[in-house]
């Protein structure tokens, strides 16, 4: 989860992409697979008030609950 989110943060930083739609397809020993939707950042259309600096392992929690995945992640801002 941390590696996957870190990759999304990297794409945001390098490619100026914003992500808003996520569909997790699988989570397991091989990692996390998901379909992610988003769009390029556009000044004047999007407002970023606080920038995420990093994804942390601190108190990370990923669980399946009622056939849906839930996660708690703490970010460095």
N, C-alpha and C. Protein backbone atom coordinates (compact mmCIF):
# COMPACT_ATOMS: atom_id res chain seq x y z
N UNK A 1 0.83 -1.19 0.00
CA UNK A 1 0.00 0.00 0.00
C UNK A 1 0.87 1.25 0.00
N UNK A 2 1.89 1.27 0.84
CA UNK A 2 2.76 2.45 0.91
C UNK A 2 3.49 2.65 -0.42
N UNK A 3 4.01 1.58 -0.99
CA UNK A 3 4.70 1.69 -2.29
C UNK A 3 3.76 2.20 -3.37
N UNK A 4 2.54 1.67 -3.39
CA UNK A 4 1.55 2.05 -4.39
C UNK A 4 1.18 3.53 -4.26
N UNK A 5 0.90 3.96 -3.03
CA UNK A 5 0.57 5.37 -2.80
C UNK A 5 1.76 6.28 -3.09
N UNK A 6 2.94 5.82 -2.77
CA UNK A 6 4.15 6.60 -3.07
C UNK A 6 4.33 6.78 -4.57
N UNK A 7 3.98 5.76 -5.34
CA UNK A 7 4.04 5.86 -6.81
C UNK A 7 3.03 6.89 -7.32
N UNK A 8 1.82 6.89 -6.74
CA UNK A 8 0.83 7.90 -7.13
C UNK A 8 1.32 9.31 -6.78
N UNK A 9 1.95 9.45 -5.62
CA UNK A 9 2.49 10.75 -5.22
C UNK A 9 3.60 11.18 -6.17
N UNK A 10 4.43 10.24 -6.58
CA UNK A 10 5.49 10.53 -7.56
C UNK A 10 4.87 11.01 -8.87
N UNK A 11 3.85 10.32 -9.36
CA UNK A 11 3.20 10.73 -10.61
C UNK A 11 2.55 12.10 -10.48
N UNK A 12 2.01 12.39 -9.31
CA UNK A 12 1.45 13.71 -9.07
C UNK A 12 2.54 14.78 -9.16
N UNK A 13 3.67 14.51 -8.51
CA UNK A 13 4.77 15.48 -8.47
C UNK A 13 5.42 15.68 -9.84
N UNK A 14 5.65 14.59 -10.56
CA UNK A 14 6.41 14.64 -11.81
C UNK A 14 5.51 14.94 -13.02
N UNK A 15 4.34 14.33 -13.05
CA UNK A 15 3.45 14.48 -14.22
C UNK A 15 2.31 15.46 -13.98
N UNK A 16 2.23 16.05 -12.78
CA UNK A 16 1.14 16.98 -12.41
C UNK A 16 -0.23 16.35 -12.55
N UNK A 17 -0.36 15.11 -12.10
CA UNK A 17 -1.64 14.41 -12.18
C UNK A 17 -2.35 14.44 -10.84
N UNK A 18 -3.69 14.54 -10.89
CA UNK A 18 -4.53 14.43 -9.71
C UNK A 18 -5.37 13.18 -9.86
N UNK A 19 -5.51 12.42 -8.78
CA UNK A 19 -6.25 11.16 -8.83
C UNK A 19 -7.51 11.26 -7.99
N UNK A 20 -8.62 10.70 -8.51
CA UNK A 20 -9.87 10.82 -7.78
C UNK A 20 -10.75 9.58 -7.82
N UNK A 21 -10.48 8.64 -8.66
CA UNK A 21 -11.30 7.43 -8.73
C UNK A 21 -10.43 6.19 -8.59
N UNK A 22 -10.78 5.33 -7.65
CA UNK A 22 -9.95 4.15 -7.37
C UNK A 22 -10.83 2.91 -7.30
N UNK A 23 -10.40 1.85 -7.99
CA UNK A 23 -11.09 0.56 -7.89
C UNK A 23 -10.02 -0.49 -7.64
N UNK A 24 -9.96 -0.99 -6.41
CA UNK A 24 -8.98 -2.01 -6.04
C UNK A 24 -9.43 -3.34 -6.63
N UNK A 25 -8.55 -3.95 -7.40
CA UNK A 25 -8.86 -5.24 -8.02
C UNK A 25 -8.33 -6.40 -7.19
N UNK A 26 -7.16 -6.23 -6.57
CA UNK A 26 -6.63 -7.29 -5.72
C UNK A 26 -5.57 -6.74 -4.78
N UNK A 27 -5.47 -7.40 -3.63
CA UNK A 27 -4.45 -7.08 -2.64
C UNK A 27 -3.91 -8.42 -2.15
N UNK A 28 -2.61 -8.57 -2.16
CA UNK A 28 -2.04 -9.84 -1.72
C UNK A 28 -0.53 -9.79 -1.68
N UNK A 29 0.05 -10.98 -1.64
CA UNK A 29 1.51 -11.10 -1.58
C UNK A 29 2.20 -10.40 -2.75
N UNK A 30 1.56 -10.38 -3.91
CA UNK A 30 2.13 -9.76 -5.12
C UNK A 30 2.02 -8.25 -5.09
N UNK A 31 1.25 -7.71 -4.17
CA UNK A 31 1.07 -6.27 -4.09
C UNK A 31 -0.37 -5.87 -4.31
N UNK A 32 -0.56 -4.63 -4.63
CA UNK A 32 -1.89 -4.07 -4.83
C UNK A 32 -2.08 -3.78 -6.31
N UNK A 33 -3.22 -4.20 -6.85
CA UNK A 33 -3.58 -3.88 -8.23
C UNK A 33 -4.89 -3.11 -8.21
N UNK A 34 -4.91 -2.00 -8.95
CA UNK A 34 -6.10 -1.15 -8.96
C UNK A 34 -6.19 -0.37 -10.25
N UNK A 35 -7.40 0.06 -10.55
CA UNK A 35 -7.63 0.99 -11.66
C UNK A 35 -7.79 2.37 -11.02
N UNK A 36 -7.02 3.33 -11.53
CA UNK A 36 -7.02 4.68 -10.97
C UNK A 36 -7.42 5.66 -12.07
N UNK A 37 -8.33 6.56 -11.72
CA UNK A 37 -8.75 7.59 -12.67
C UNK A 37 -8.34 8.95 -12.13
N UNK A 38 -8.08 9.86 -13.04
CA UNK A 38 -7.68 11.20 -12.63
C UNK A 38 -7.58 12.11 -13.83
N UNK A 39 -6.90 13.21 -13.61
CA UNK A 39 -6.76 14.21 -14.67
C UNK A 39 -5.55 15.09 -14.39
N UNK A 40 -5.06 15.79 -15.40
CA UNK A 40 -3.94 16.71 -15.18
C UNK A 40 -4.37 17.89 -14.29
N UNK A 41 -3.46 18.34 -13.45
CA UNK A 41 -3.71 19.52 -12.62
C UNK A 41 -3.86 20.74 -13.51
N UNK A 42 -4.87 21.57 -13.22
CA UNK A 42 -5.09 22.80 -13.98
C UNK A 42 -5.23 23.96 -13.00
N UNK A 43 -4.28 24.86 -13.06
CA UNK A 43 -4.34 26.07 -12.22
C UNK A 43 -5.62 26.82 -12.54
N UNK A 44 -6.31 27.28 -11.51
CA UNK A 44 -7.57 27.98 -11.70
C UNK A 44 -8.76 27.05 -11.65
N UNK A 45 -8.55 25.77 -11.92
CA UNK A 45 -9.62 24.77 -11.84
C UNK A 45 -9.48 23.99 -10.53
N UNK A 46 -8.26 23.60 -10.21
CA UNK A 46 -7.98 22.82 -9.01
C UNK A 46 -7.25 23.70 -7.98
N UNK A 47 -7.55 23.47 -6.73
CA UNK A 47 -6.89 24.18 -5.64
C UNK A 47 -6.26 23.13 -4.72
N UNK A 48 -4.96 23.25 -4.49
CA UNK A 48 -4.27 22.37 -3.55
C UNK A 48 -3.88 23.24 -2.36
N UNK A 49 -4.53 22.99 -1.22
CA UNK A 49 -4.27 23.79 -0.03
C UNK A 49 -3.09 23.26 0.77
N UNK A 50 -2.93 21.94 0.82
CA UNK A 50 -1.84 21.32 1.57
C UNK A 50 -1.22 20.24 0.73
N UNK A 51 0.09 20.30 0.55
CA UNK A 51 0.80 19.34 -0.27
C UNK A 51 1.22 18.12 0.55
N UNK A 52 1.01 16.93 0.00
CA UNK A 52 1.47 15.70 0.64
C UNK A 52 2.95 15.54 0.32
N UNK A 53 3.78 15.37 1.34
CA UNK A 53 5.22 15.22 1.16
C UNK A 53 5.62 13.76 1.02
N UNK A 54 4.97 12.88 1.80
CA UNK A 54 5.36 11.46 1.79
C UNK A 54 4.25 10.60 2.38
N UNK A 55 4.28 9.33 2.04
CA UNK A 55 3.40 8.32 2.61
C UNK A 55 4.19 7.60 3.70
N UNK A 56 3.58 7.36 4.85
CA UNK A 56 4.31 6.74 5.96
C UNK A 56 3.77 5.34 6.27
N UNK A 57 4.58 4.57 6.99
CA UNK A 57 4.16 3.26 7.49
C UNK A 57 3.52 3.38 8.88
N UNK A 58 3.58 4.56 9.47
CA UNK A 58 3.09 4.76 10.84
C UNK A 58 1.61 4.45 10.94
N UNK A 59 1.27 3.47 11.76
CA UNK A 59 -0.12 3.07 12.06
C UNK A 59 -0.93 2.73 10.81
N UNK A 60 -0.26 2.26 9.76
CA UNK A 60 -0.99 1.89 8.55
C UNK A 60 -1.88 0.68 8.85
N UNK A 61 -3.06 0.70 8.28
CA UNK A 61 -4.00 -0.40 8.47
C UNK A 61 -4.76 -0.62 7.16
N UNK A 62 -4.75 -1.85 6.69
CA UNK A 62 -5.49 -2.23 5.49
C UNK A 62 -6.30 -3.47 5.85
N UNK A 63 -7.61 -3.42 5.61
CA UNK A 63 -8.45 -4.56 5.96
C UNK A 63 -9.63 -4.68 5.00
N UNK A 64 -10.14 -5.88 4.90
CA UNK A 64 -11.34 -6.12 4.10
C UNK A 64 -12.51 -6.19 5.06
N UNK A 65 -13.52 -5.39 4.79
CA UNK A 65 -14.67 -5.29 5.67
C UNK A 65 -15.94 -5.32 4.80
N UNK A 66 -16.77 -6.32 5.00
CA UNK A 66 -18.01 -6.45 4.22
C UNK A 66 -17.74 -6.41 2.72
N UNK A 67 -16.77 -7.18 2.27
CA UNK A 67 -16.39 -7.32 0.86
C UNK A 67 -15.82 -6.05 0.25
N UNK A 68 -15.45 -5.08 1.09
CA UNK A 68 -14.82 -3.85 0.61
C UNK A 68 -13.52 -3.64 1.37
N UNK A 69 -12.53 -3.08 0.67
CA UNK A 69 -11.25 -2.79 1.31
C UNK A 69 -11.31 -1.42 1.97
N UNK A 70 -10.77 -1.34 3.18
CA UNK A 70 -10.66 -0.07 3.89
C UNK A 70 -9.22 0.09 4.32
N UNK A 71 -8.76 1.33 4.32
CA UNK A 71 -7.37 1.60 4.69
C UNK A 71 -7.30 2.86 5.56
N UNK A 72 -6.35 2.83 6.47
CA UNK A 72 -5.99 4.02 7.24
C UNK A 72 -4.53 4.30 6.94
N UNK A 73 -4.26 5.47 6.43
CA UNK A 73 -2.90 5.84 6.06
C UNK A 73 -2.62 7.22 6.63
N UNK A 74 -1.41 7.40 7.15
CA UNK A 74 -0.99 8.71 7.65
C UNK A 74 0.05 9.26 6.67
N UNK A 75 -0.16 10.49 6.24
CA UNK A 75 0.73 11.15 5.30
C UNK A 75 1.55 12.23 6.02
N UNK A 76 2.78 12.46 5.56
CA UNK A 76 3.56 13.61 6.01
C UNK A 76 3.15 14.79 5.14
N UNK A 77 2.79 15.88 5.79
CA UNK A 77 2.36 17.09 5.06
C UNK A 77 3.41 18.16 5.17
